[in-house]
Amino acid sequence: MTTATLRTAVVIGCGATGTSVALALTGAGVEVTLLDDDPRATAEAVTLGAGTAWTPEHPPADLVVVATPPSAVVDALYRAQSQGLGHVYTDTAGAKDVIVSDAELRGCDLKGYVPGHPLAGPDAPGRADADATRFTGRIWTLCPYETTPAWALRTLDALIEACGAQRLDLSPQIHDRVVAELSHAPHLVAAVLSSRFADSSLGFLGLAEQGLRDAVRTAGGDPWVWGDVLAHNAGPVADVLDRIAGQLSRAAAILREGDESAPLELALTLEEGRRGQAALDGTGDVRTPRDASAAGRV
């Protein structure tokens, strides 16, 4: 059960993420009301047991969660605050720096707004993937302002606890660099790789091994959702892609040159890749975001 700091909540956006948050909060005993520009989305989330539809008669909630695509967060936040929907506000968007800056420029009330991002995959328009356990054991990043009051953070702690996640505070800039390395750029690389097979014959694709299928699995995400996320983290993602492109260009040059040292030079790159794979699997050295940043890797 959540603490007394979170008894009521409004969730704006009934996609997979918003509905999952609502399901988790409802399961923890929080009274949840739902808002979405599409009444059908709200109705579907209500049918799933995520809460009830918001009406103007509802008093201000303890917490308002904006679970919209990044491009809609600031508008939704501004409208919600103008209507006085709650006391504390947060969002779940996968990019933070642009949103934080735009919220300030728009004139949003930053005192009770705590930017956030649960690291559980991007949102999806439908509710097929909505699950109350979506965030269990996951990291939930917060990007509080220096002036964020303690009472607002206590409400966010209650949200994260109700969702079974673990809080990690990062600056918006570090957050965006981390997700660019670990999620956004890899997704775009997978999409580019898998795009080569979009018009291939079934006979040809039948020869593909499981390793290739695993490498492009994430490319199956909603392209409009991902396009919005990538555009809101453009600089950090572009930096990662430049580094990846440089490594691939170097490998292509080694192969074209055909020197006797080619096997050794390629092996060095492949060995670093093997070490990275081992680290991701938990069998190698893993640095914290702070350590990785200091080393110039994020």
C-alpha atoms as a PDB file:
ATOM      1  CA  MET A   1       0.000   0.000   0.000  1.00  0.00           C
ATOM      2  CA  THR A   2       1.091   3.562  -0.620  1.00  0.00           C
ATOM      3  CA  THR A   3       1.625   6.064   2.135  1.00  0.00           C
ATOM      4  CA  ALA A   4      -0.917   8.730   3.080  1.00  0.00           C
ATOM      5  CA  THR A   5       0.828  11.163   0.705  1.00  0.00           C
ATOM      6  CA  LEU A   6      -0.927   9.587  -2.291  1.00  0.00           C
ATOM      7  CA  ARG A   7      -4.623   8.875  -2.019  1.00  0.00           C
ATOM      8  CA  THR A   8      -5.916  10.296  -5.326  1.00  0.00           C
ATOM      9  CA  ALA A   9      -4.385  10.623  -8.791  1.00  0.00           C
ATOM     10  CA  VAL A  10      -5.278  11.773 -12.292  1.00  0.00           C
ATOM     11  CA  VAL A  11      -3.610  10.006 -15.220  1.00  0.00           C
ATOM     12  CA  ILE A  12      -3.612  11.965 -18.489  1.00  0.00           C
ATOM     13  CA  GLY A  13      -3.058   9.718 -21.491  1.00  0.00           C
ATOM     14  CA  CYS A  14      -4.479   6.210 -21.663  1.00  0.00           C
ATOM     15  CA  GLY A  15      -1.839   4.511 -23.777  1.00  0.00           C
ATOM     16  CA  ALA A  16       0.078   1.483 -22.543  1.00  0.00           C
ATOM     17  CA  THR A  17       2.186   3.528 -20.109  1.00  0.00           C
ATOM     18  CA  GLY A  18      -0.603   5.650 -18.641  1.00  0.00           C
ATOM     19  CA  THR A  19      -2.944   2.699 -18.291  1.00  0.00           C
ATOM     20  CA  SER A  20      -0.193   0.644 -16.642  1.00  0.00           C
ATOM     21  CA  VAL A  21       0.466   3.437 -14.135  1.00  0.00           C
ATOM     22  CA  ALA A  22      -3.255   3.697 -13.438  1.00  0.00           C
ATOM     23  CA  LEU A  23      -3.600  -0.069 -12.974  1.00  0.00           C
ATOM     24  CA  ALA A  24      -0.667  -0.128 -10.533  1.00  0.00           C
ATOM     25  CA  LEU A  25      -2.027   2.811  -8.536  1.00  0.00           C
ATOM     26  CA  THR A  26      -5.544   1.383  -8.447  1.00  0.00           C
ATOM     27  CA  GLY A  27      -4.140  -1.926  -7.238  1.00  0.00           C
ATOM     28  CA  ALA A  28      -2.341  -0.041  -4.453  1.00  0.00           C
ATOM     29  CA  GLY A  29      -5.578   1.503  -3.243  1.00  0.00           C
ATOM     30  CA  VAL A  30      -5.256   4.915  -4.911  1.00  0.00           C
ATOM     31  CA  GLU A  31      -8.420   6.481  -6.347  1.00  0.00           C
ATOM     32  CA  VAL A  32      -7.530   7.084 -10.008  1.00  0.00           C
ATOM     33  CA  THR A  33      -9.370   9.159 -12.597  1.00  0.00           C
ATOM     34  CA  LEU A  34      -8.467   9.077 -16.280  1.00  0.00           C
ATOM     35  CA  LEU A  35      -8.238  11.681 -19.039  1.00  0.00           C
ATOM     36  CA  ASP A  36      -7.510  11.238 -22.747  1.00  0.00           C
ATOM     37  CA  ASP A  37      -8.278  13.302 -25.841  1.00  0.00           C
ATOM     38  CA  ASP A  38      -9.833  10.141 -27.283  1.00  0.00           C
ATOM     39  CA  PRO A  39     -12.929   9.169 -25.245  1.00  0.00           C
ATOM     40  CA  ARG A  40     -12.629   5.613 -26.564  1.00  0.00           C
ATOM     41  CA  ALA A  41      -9.180   5.294 -25.023  1.00  0.00           C
ATOM     42  CA  THR A  42     -10.530   6.441 -21.669  1.00  0.00           C
ATOM     43  CA  ALA A  43     -13.432   3.999 -21.915  1.00  0.00           C
ATOM     44  CA  GLU A  44     -11.098   1.096 -22.723  1.00  0.00           C
ATOM     45  CA  ALA A  45      -8.850   1.917 -19.766  1.00  0.00           C
ATOM     46  CA  VAL A  46     -11.883   2.109 -17.481  1.00  0.00           C
ATOM     47  CA  THR A  47     -13.003  -1.307 -18.758  1.00  0.00           C
ATOM     48  CA  LEU A  48      -9.575  -2.701 -17.851  1.00  0.00           C
ATOM     49  CA  GLY A  49     -10.069  -1.515 -14.274  1.00  0.00           C
ATOM     50  CA  ALA A  50      -7.551   1.333 -14.440  1.00  0.00           C
ATOM     51  CA  GLY A  51      -9.887   3.864 -12.811  1.00  0.00           C
ATOM     52  CA  THR A  52     -12.868   6.037 -13.628  1.00  0.00           C
ATOM     53  CA  ALA A  53     -13.291   8.818 -16.165  1.00  0.00           C
ATOM     54  CA  TRP A  54     -12.355  12.267 -14.861  1.00  0.00           C
ATOM     55  CA  THR A  55     -15.136  14.847 -14.540  1.00  0.00           C
ATOM     56  CA  PRO A  56     -14.942  18.541 -13.525  1.00  0.00           C
ATOM     57  CA  GLU A  57     -16.618  17.683 -10.225  1.00  0.00           C
ATOM     58  CA  HIS A  58     -13.502  15.888  -9.007  1.00  0.00           C
ATOM     59  CA  PRO A  59     -11.450  17.855  -6.446  1.00  0.00           C
ATOM     60  CA  PRO A  60      -7.716  18.433  -7.046  1.00  0.00           C
ATOM     61  CA  ALA A  61      -5.824  15.153  -6.831  1.00  0.00           C
ATOM     62  CA  ASP A  62      -2.684  14.494  -4.841  1.00  0.00           C
ATOM     63  CA  LEU A  63      -0.859  13.659  -8.086  1.00  0.00           C
ATOM     64  CA  VAL A  64      -1.319  14.224 -11.819  1.00  0.00           C
ATOM     65  CA  VAL A  65       0.642  11.921 -14.150  1.00  0.00           C
ATOM     66  CA  VAL A  66       1.032  13.164 -17.731  1.00  0.00           C
ATOM     67  CA  ALA A  67       1.544  10.000 -19.782  1.00  0.00           C
ATOM     68  CA  THR A  68       1.412  11.436 -23.289  1.00  0.00           C
ATOM     69  CA  PRO A  69       3.964  11.392 -26.143  1.00  0.00           C
ATOM     70  CA  PRO A  70       6.816  13.882 -25.560  1.00  0.00           C
ATOM     71  CA  SER A  71       5.420  16.406 -28.036  1.00  0.00           C
ATOM     72  CA  ALA A  72       2.187  16.681 -26.035  1.00  0.00           C
ATOM     73  CA  VAL A  73       3.597  16.796 -22.494  1.00  0.00           C
ATOM     74  CA  VAL A  74       4.043  20.547 -22.041  1.00  0.00           C
ATOM     75  CA  ASP A  75       0.615  21.426 -23.457  1.00  0.00           C
ATOM     76  CA  ALA A  76      -1.046  18.770 -21.288  1.00  0.00           C
ATOM     77  CA  LEU A  77       0.892  19.909 -18.222  1.00  0.00           C
ATOM     78  CA  TYR A  78       0.006  23.573 -18.781  1.00  0.00           C
ATOM     79  CA  ARG A  79      -3.698  22.787 -19.257  1.00  0.00           C
ATOM     80  CA  ALA A  80      -3.801  20.516 -16.216  1.00  0.00           C
ATOM     81  CA  GLN A  81      -2.168  23.132 -14.009  1.00  0.00           C
ATOM     82  CA  SER A  82      -4.434  25.866 -15.391  1.00  0.00           C
ATOM     83  CA  GLN A  83      -7.443  23.726 -14.483  1.00  0.00           C
ATOM     84  CA  GLY A  84      -6.013  22.959 -11.051  1.00  0.00           C
ATOM     85  CA  LEU A  85      -6.256  19.197 -11.538  1.00  0.00           C
ATOM     86  CA  GLY A  86      -3.791  18.392  -8.764  1.00  0.00           C
ATOM     87  CA  HIS A  87      -1.142  19.421  -6.286  1.00  0.00           C
ATOM     88  CA  VAL A  88       1.900  17.552  -7.688  1.00  0.00           C
ATOM     89  CA  TYR A  89       2.594  16.865 -11.358  1.00  0.00           C
ATOM     90  CA  THR A  90       4.944  14.514 -13.210  1.00  0.00           C
ATOM     91  CA  ASP A  91       5.313  13.005 -16.669  1.00  0.00           C
ATOM     92  CA  THR A  92       6.573   9.739 -18.137  1.00  0.00           C
ATOM     93  CA  ALA A  93       8.181  10.916 -21.395  1.00  0.00           C
ATOM     94  CA  GLY A  94      11.345   9.208 -22.616  1.00  0.00           C
ATOM     95  CA  ALA A  95      13.270  12.460 -23.172  1.00  0.00           C
ATOM     96  CA  LYS A  96      13.625  15.188 -20.585  1.00  0.00           C
ATOM     97  CA  ASP A  97      15.880  18.150 -21.463  1.00  0.00           C
ATOM     98  CA  VAL A  98      13.681  19.683 -24.178  1.00  0.00           C
ATOM     99  CA  ILE A  99      10.514  19.136 -22.131  1.00  0.00           C
ATOM    100  CA  VAL A 100      12.028  20.703 -19.015  1.00  0.00           C
ATOM    101  CA  SER A 101      13.136  23.763 -20.999  1.00  0.00           C
ATOM    102  CA  ASP A 102       9.822  24.089 -22.856  1.00  0.00           C
ATOM    103  CA  ALA A 103       7.829  23.793 -19.615  1.00  0.00           C
ATOM    104  CA  GLU A 104       9.721  26.767 -18.209  1.00  0.00           C
ATOM    105  CA  LEU A 105       9.318  28.806 -21.402  1.00  0.00           C
ATOM    106  CA  ARG A 106       5.604  28.004 -21.529  1.00  0.00           C
ATOM    107  CA  GLY A 107       5.127  29.340 -18.015  1.00  0.00           C
ATOM    108  CA  CYS A 108       4.239  26.072 -16.316  1.00  0.00           C
ATOM    109  CA  ASP A 109       4.339  26.092 -12.519  1.00  0.00           C
ATOM    110  CA  LEU A 110       7.617  24.301 -11.798  1.00  0.00           C
ATOM    111  CA  LYS A 111       7.214  24.212  -8.014  1.00  0.00           C
ATOM    112  CA  GLY A 112       5.117  21.067  -7.971  1.00  0.00           C
ATOM    113  CA  TYR A 113       6.301  19.568 -11.262  1.00  0.00           C
ATOM    114  CA  VAL A 114       8.819  16.725 -11.090  1.00  0.00           C
ATOM    115  CA  PRO A 115       9.901  15.454 -14.542  1.00  0.00           C
ATOM    116  CA  GLY A 116      10.069  11.664 -14.602  1.00  0.00           C
ATOM    117  CA  HIS A 117      10.605   8.651 -16.833  1.00  0.00           C
ATOM    118  CA  PRO A 118       9.997   4.992 -15.963  1.00  0.00           C
ATOM    119  CA  LEU A 119      12.547   2.908 -17.874  1.00  0.00           C
ATOM    120  CA  ALA A 120      10.123   0.267 -19.096  1.00  0.00           C
ATOM    121  CA  GLY A 121      10.054   0.817 -22.846  1.00  0.00           C
ATOM    122  CA  PRO A 122       8.289   3.510 -24.890  1.00  0.00           C
ATOM    123  CA  ASP A 123       4.608   4.215 -24.755  1.00  0.00           C
ATOM    124  CA  ALA A 124       2.196   2.692 -27.246  1.00  0.00           C
ATOM    125  CA  PRO A 125      -1.161   4.102 -28.351  1.00  0.00           C
ATOM    126  CA  GLY A 126      -3.078   0.904 -27.551  1.00  0.00           C
ATOM    127  CA  ARG A 127      -3.716  -0.685 -24.204  1.00  0.00           C
ATOM    128  CA  ALA A 128      -2.863  -4.249 -25.248  1.00  0.00           C
ATOM    129  CA  ASP A 129       0.493  -4.000 -23.453  1.00  0.00           C
ATOM    130  CA  ALA A 130      -0.901  -2.309 -20.334  1.00  0.00           C
ATOM    131  CA  ASP A 131       0.045  -4.210 -17.197  1.00  0.00           C
ATOM    132  CA  ALA A 132       0.037  -3.283 -13.513  1.00  0.00           C
ATOM    133  CA  THR A 133       3.431  -5.004 -13.169  1.00  0.00           C
ATOM    134  CA  ARG A 134       5.012  -3.161 -16.126  1.00  0.00           C
ATOM    135  CA  PHE A 135       7.319  -1.176 -13.820  1.00  0.00           C
ATOM    136  CA  THR A 136       8.064  -3.811 -11.191  1.00  0.00           C
ATOM    137  CA  GLY A 137      11.804  -3.906 -10.517  1.00  0.00           C
ATOM    138  CA  ARG A 138      12.451  -1.177 -13.104  1.00  0.00           C
ATOM    139  CA  ILE A 139      14.330   2.077 -12.659  1.00  0.00           C
ATOM    140  CA  TRP A 140      12.130   5.179 -12.490  1.00  0.00           C
ATOM    141  CA  THR A 141      14.208   8.266 -13.130  1.00  0.00           C
ATOM    142  CA  LEU A 142      13.329  11.647 -11.673  1.00  0.00           C
ATOM    143  CA  CYS A 143      14.815  14.968 -12.779  1.00  0.00           C
ATOM    144  CA  PRO A 144      13.857  17.305  -9.923  1.00  0.00           C
ATOM    145  CA  TYR A 145      14.649  20.988 -10.017  1.00  0.00           C
ATOM    146  CA  GLU A 146      16.941  22.420  -7.362  1.00  0.00           C
ATOM    147  CA  THR A 147      13.896  24.174  -5.913  1.00  0.00           C
ATOM    148  CA  THR A 148      11.620  21.101  -5.924  1.00  0.00           C
ATOM    149  CA  PRO A 149      10.025  20.920  -2.457  1.00  0.00           C
ATOM    150  CA  ALA A 150      10.343  17.807  -0.309  1.00  0.00           C
ATOM    151  CA  TRP A 151       6.568  17.315  -0.198  1.00  0.00           C
ATOM    152  CA  ALA A 152       6.440  16.929  -3.980  1.00  0.00           C
ATOM    153  CA  LEU A 153       9.209  14.326  -3.921  1.00  0.00           C
ATOM    154  CA  ARG A 154       7.400  12.402  -1.182  1.00  0.00           C
ATOM    155  CA  THR A 155       4.389  12.122  -3.471  1.00  0.00           C
ATOM    156  CA  LEU A 156       6.593  10.848  -6.298  1.00  0.00           C
ATOM    157  CA  ASP A 157       8.198   8.342  -3.926  1.00  0.00           C
ATOM    158  CA  ALA A 158       4.711   7.022  -3.181  1.00  0.00           C
ATOM    159  CA  LEU A 159       3.993   6.716  -6.918  1.00  0.00           C
ATOM    160  CA  ILE A 160       7.213   4.819  -7.555  1.00  0.00           C
ATOM    161  CA  GLU A 161       6.615   2.568  -4.563  1.00  0.00           C
ATOM    162  CA  ALA A 162       3.085   1.766  -5.746  1.00  0.00           C
ATOM    163  CA  CYS A 163       4.444   0.817  -9.173  1.00  0.00           C
ATOM    164  CA  GLY A 164       7.140  -1.430  -7.669  1.00  0.00           C
ATOM    165  CA  ALA A 165       9.954   0.582  -9.258  1.00  0.00           C
ATOM    166  CA  GLN A 166      13.226   2.021  -7.949  1.00  0.00           C
ATOM    167  CA  ARG A 167      13.959   5.744  -7.940  1.00  0.00           C
ATOM    168  CA  LEU A 168      17.080   7.191  -9.575  1.00  0.00           C
ATOM    169  CA  ASP A 169      17.654  10.958  -9.750  1.00  0.00           C
ATOM    170  CA  LEU A 170      19.465  12.316 -12.816  1.00  0.00           C
ATOM    171  CA  SER A 171      19.817  15.731 -14.390  1.00  0.00           C
ATOM    172  CA  PRO A 172      17.791  16.077 -17.622  1.00  0.00           C
ATOM    173  CA  GLN A 173      20.995  16.255 -19.661  1.00  0.00           C
ATOM    174  CA  ILE A 174      22.512  13.107 -18.144  1.00  0.00           C
ATOM    175  CA  HIS A 175      19.190  11.286 -18.461  1.00  0.00           C
ATOM    176  CA  ASP A 176      18.996  12.041 -22.170  1.00  0.00           C
ATOM    177  CA  ARG A 177      22.580  10.987 -22.802  1.00  0.00           C
ATOM    178  CA  VAL A 178      22.045   7.716 -20.935  1.00  0.00           C
ATOM    179  CA  VAL A 179      18.861   6.769 -22.797  1.00  0.00           C
ATOM    180  CA  ALA A 180      20.446   7.827 -26.103  1.00  0.00           C
ATOM    181  CA  GLU A 181      23.182   5.240 -25.498  1.00  0.00           C
ATOM    182  CA  LEU A 182      21.050   2.484 -24.008  1.00  0.00           C
ATOM    183  CA  SER A 183      17.761   2.813 -25.887  1.00  0.00           C
ATOM    184  CA  HIS A 184      17.230   5.498 -28.498  1.00  0.00           C
ATOM    185  CA  ALA A 185      20.268   5.075 -30.762  1.00  0.00           C
ATOM    186  CA  PRO A 186      20.183   1.239 -30.529  1.00  0.00           C
ATOM    187  CA  HIS A 187      16.537   1.323 -31.610  1.00  0.00           C
ATOM    188  CA  LEU A 188      17.339   3.448 -34.657  1.00  0.00           C
ATOM    189  CA  VAL A 189      20.291   1.198 -35.550  1.00  0.00           C
ATOM    190  CA  ALA A 190      18.017  -1.850 -35.305  1.00  0.00           C
ATOM    191  CA  ALA A 191      15.423  -0.119 -37.483  1.00  0.00           C
ATOM    192  CA  VAL A 192      17.992   0.722 -40.163  1.00  0.00           C
ATOM    193  CA  LEU A 193      19.349  -2.832 -40.118  1.00  0.00           C
ATOM    194  CA  SER A 194      15.924  -4.442 -40.311  1.00  0.00           C
ATOM    195  CA  SER A 195      14.782  -2.032 -43.053  1.00  0.00           C
ATOM    196  CA  ARG A 196      17.113  -3.891 -45.420  1.00  0.00           C
ATOM    197  CA  PHE A 197      14.748  -6.874 -45.259  1.00  0.00           C
ATOM    198  CA  ALA A 198      11.404  -5.075 -45.601  1.00  0.00           C
ATOM    199  CA  ASP A 199      10.884  -6.242 -49.205  1.00  0.00           C
ATOM    200  CA  SER A 200      12.790  -9.535 -49.070  1.00  0.00           C
ATOM    201  CA  SER A 201      11.210 -12.826 -50.076  1.00  0.00           C
ATOM    202  CA  LEU A 202      10.059 -15.343 -47.499  1.00  0.00           C
ATOM    203  CA  GLY A 203      12.481 -17.857 -48.955  1.00  0.00           C
ATOM    204  CA  PHE A 204      15.411 -15.538 -48.357  1.00  0.00           C
ATOM    205  CA  LEU A 205      14.276 -14.549 -44.867  1.00  0.00           C
ATOM    206  CA  GLY A 206      13.866 -18.206 -43.970  1.00  0.00           C
ATOM    207  CA  LEU A 207      17.665 -18.448 -43.996  1.00  0.00           C
ATOM    208  CA  ALA A 208      18.014 -15.831 -41.258  1.00  0.00           C
ATOM    209  CA  GLU A 209      19.451 -17.117 -37.980  1.00  0.00           C
ATOM    210  CA  GLN A 210      18.058 -16.261 -34.566  1.00  0.00           C
ATOM    211  CA  GLY A 211      20.931 -13.853 -33.884  1.00  0.00           C
ATOM    212  CA  LEU A 212      19.715 -11.474 -36.580  1.00  0.00           C
ATOM    213  CA  ARG A 213      16.134 -11.700 -35.352  1.00  0.00           C
ATOM    214  CA  ASP A 214      17.314 -10.849 -31.827  1.00  0.00           C
ATOM    215  CA  ALA A 215      19.382  -7.909 -33.120  1.00  0.00           C
ATOM    216  CA  VAL A 216      16.401  -6.247 -34.832  1.00  0.00           C
ATOM    217  CA  ARG A 217      13.675  -7.199 -32.334  1.00  0.00           C
ATOM    218  CA  THR A 218      13.253  -3.665 -30.954  1.00  0.00           C
ATOM    219  CA  ALA A 219      12.590  -2.298 -34.446  1.00  0.00           C
ATOM    220  CA  GLY A 220       9.034  -3.585 -34.100  1.00  0.00           C
ATOM    221  CA  GLY A 221       8.031  -0.580 -31.971  1.00  0.00           C
ATOM    222  CA  ASP A 222       5.457   1.965 -33.118  1.00  0.00           C
ATOM    223  CA  PRO A 223       7.274   4.252 -35.633  1.00  0.00           C
ATOM    224  CA  TRP A 224       5.255   7.377 -34.756  1.00  0.00           C
ATOM    225  CA  VAL A 225       5.861   6.968 -31.039  1.00  0.00           C
ATOM    226  CA  TRP A 226       9.561   6.347 -31.569  1.00  0.00           C
ATOM    227  CA  GLY A 227       9.897   9.205 -34.060  1.00  0.00           C
ATOM    228  CA  ASP A 228       8.521  11.601 -31.448  1.00  0.00           C
ATOM    229  CA  VAL A 229      10.902  10.318 -28.761  1.00  0.00           C
ATOM    230  CA  LEU A 230      13.952  10.484 -31.033  1.00  0.00           C
ATOM    231  CA  ALA A 231      13.126  14.030 -32.161  1.00  0.00           C
ATOM    232  CA  HIS A 232      12.997  15.138 -28.523  1.00  0.00           C
ATOM    233  CA  ASN A 233      16.446  13.694 -27.849  1.00  0.00           C
ATOM    234  CA  ALA A 234      17.979  14.666 -31.169  1.00  0.00           C
ATOM    235  CA  GLY A 235      21.420  15.916 -30.109  1.00  0.00           C
ATOM    236  CA  PRO A 236      22.462  13.032 -27.825  1.00  0.00           C
ATOM    237  CA  VAL A 237      21.119  10.427 -30.270  1.00  0.00           C
ATOM    238  CA  ALA A 238      22.947  12.037 -33.189  1.00  0.00           C
ATOM    239  CA  ASP A 239      26.194  12.008 -31.176  1.00  0.00           C
ATOM    240  CA  VAL A 240      25.865   8.276 -30.518  1.00  0.00           C
ATOM    241  CA  LEU A 241      25.018   7.560 -34.149  1.00  0.00           C
ATOM    242  CA  ASP A 242      28.084   9.524 -35.292  1.00  0.00           C
ATOM    243  CA  ARG A 243      30.302   7.359 -33.095  1.00  0.00           C
ATOM    244  CA  ILE A 244      28.681   4.155 -34.304  1.00  0.00           C
ATOM    245  CA  ALA A 245      28.960   5.295 -37.928  1.00  0.00           C
ATOM    246  CA  GLY A 246      32.651   6.050 -37.379  1.00  0.00           C
ATOM    247  CA  GLN A 247      33.299   2.563 -36.021  1.00  0.00           C
ATOM    248  CA  LEU A 248      31.447   0.943 -38.920  1.00  0.00           C
ATOM    249  CA  SER A 249      33.240   3.124 -41.468  1.00  0.00           C
ATOM    250  CA  ARG A 250      36.569   2.114 -39.955  1.00  0.00           C
ATOM    251  CA  ALA A 251      35.606  -1.556 -40.143  1.00  0.00           C
ATOM    252  CA  ALA A 252      34.561  -1.154 -43.788  1.00  0.00           C
ATOM    253  CA  ALA A 253      37.905   0.528 -44.593  1.00  0.00           C
ATOM    254  CA  ILE A 254      39.827  -2.321 -42.963  1.00  0.00           C
ATOM    255  CA  LEU A 255      37.906  -4.859 -45.039  1.00  0.00           C
ATOM    256  CA  ARG A 256      38.420  -2.940 -48.275  1.00  0.00           C
ATOM    257  CA  GLU A 257      42.151  -2.477 -47.669  1.00  0.00           C
ATOM    258  CA  GLY A 258      42.567  -6.219 -47.211  1.00  0.00           C
ATOM    259  CA  ASP A 259      45.853  -5.914 -45.297  1.00  0.00           C
ATOM    260  CA  GLU A 260      47.328  -8.883 -43.491  1.00  0.00           C
ATOM    261  CA  SER A 261      46.556  -7.080 -40.231  1.00  0.00           C
ATOM    262  CA  ALA A 262      42.820  -7.019 -41.006  1.00  0.00           C
ATOM    263  CA  PRO A 263      41.929 -10.076 -38.898  1.00  0.00           C
ATOM    264  CA  LEU A 264      43.727  -8.620 -35.881  1.00  0.00           C
ATOM    265  CA  GLU A 265      42.210  -5.148 -36.276  1.00  0.00           C
ATOM    266  CA  LEU A 266      38.720  -6.570 -36.677  1.00  0.00           C
ATOM    267  CA  ALA A 267      39.265  -8.899 -33.741  1.00  0.00           C
ATOM    268  CA  LEU A 268      39.999  -5.920 -31.518  1.00  0.00           C
ATOM    269  CA  THR A 269      36.651  -4.379 -32.413  1.00  0.00           C
ATOM    270  CA  LEU A 270      34.872  -7.705 -32.037  1.00  0.00           C
ATOM    271  CA  GLU A 271      36.492  -8.288 -28.649  1.00  0.00           C
ATOM    272  CA  GLU A 272      35.260  -4.927 -27.398  1.00  0.00           C
ATOM    273  CA  GLY A 273      31.817  -5.875 -28.648  1.00  0.00           C
ATOM    274  CA  ARG A 274      32.042  -9.189 -26.812  1.00  0.00           C
ATOM    275  CA  ARG A 275      32.988  -7.360 -23.611  1.00  0.00           C
ATOM    276  CA  GLY A 276      30.030  -5.022 -24.035  1.00  0.00           C
ATOM    277  CA  GLN A 277      27.671  -7.944 -24.542  1.00  0.00           C
ATOM    278  CA  ALA A 278      29.022  -9.619 -21.406  1.00  0.00           C
ATOM    279  CA  ALA A 279      28.517  -6.403 -19.433  1.00  0.00           C
ATOM    280  CA  LEU A 280      24.911  -6.126 -20.603  1.00  0.00           C
ATOM    281  CA  ASP A 281      24.319  -9.741 -19.593  1.00  0.00           C
ATOM    282  CA  GLY A 282      25.658  -8.987 -16.127  1.00  0.00           C
ATOM    283  CA  THR A 283      28.802 -11.059 -16.501  1.00  0.00           C
ATOM    284  CA  GLY A 284      31.166  -8.133 -17.053  1.00  0.00           C
ATOM    285  CA  ASP A 285      32.042  -4.781 -15.518  1.00  0.00           C
ATOM    286  CA  VAL A 286      29.091  -2.372 -15.434  1.00  0.00           C
ATOM    287  CA  ARG A 287      29.559   1.326 -14.614  1.00  0.00           C
ATOM    288  CA  THR A 288      26.984   3.568 -13.040  1.00  0.00           C
ATOM    289  CA  PRO A 289      25.596   6.459 -15.142  1.00  0.00           C
ATOM    290  CA  ARG A 290      27.804   8.858 -13.159  1.00  0.00           C
ATOM    291  CA  ASP A 291      30.917   6.724 -13.765  1.00  0.00           C
ATOM    292  CA  ALA A 292      30.125   6.296 -17.435  1.00  0.00           C
ATOM    293  CA  SER A 293      29.611  10.026 -17.890  1.00  0.00           C
ATOM    294  CA  ALA A 294      32.940  10.786 -16.267  1.00  0.00           C
ATOM    295  CA  ALA A 295      34.606   8.339 -18.639  1.00  0.00           C
ATOM    296  CA  GLY A 296      33.106  10.106 -21.644  1.00  0.00           C
ATOM    297  CA  ARG A 297      31.011   7.110 -22.656  1.00  0.00           C
ATOM    298  CA  VAL A 298      27.585   8.741 -22.293  1.00  0.00           C
END
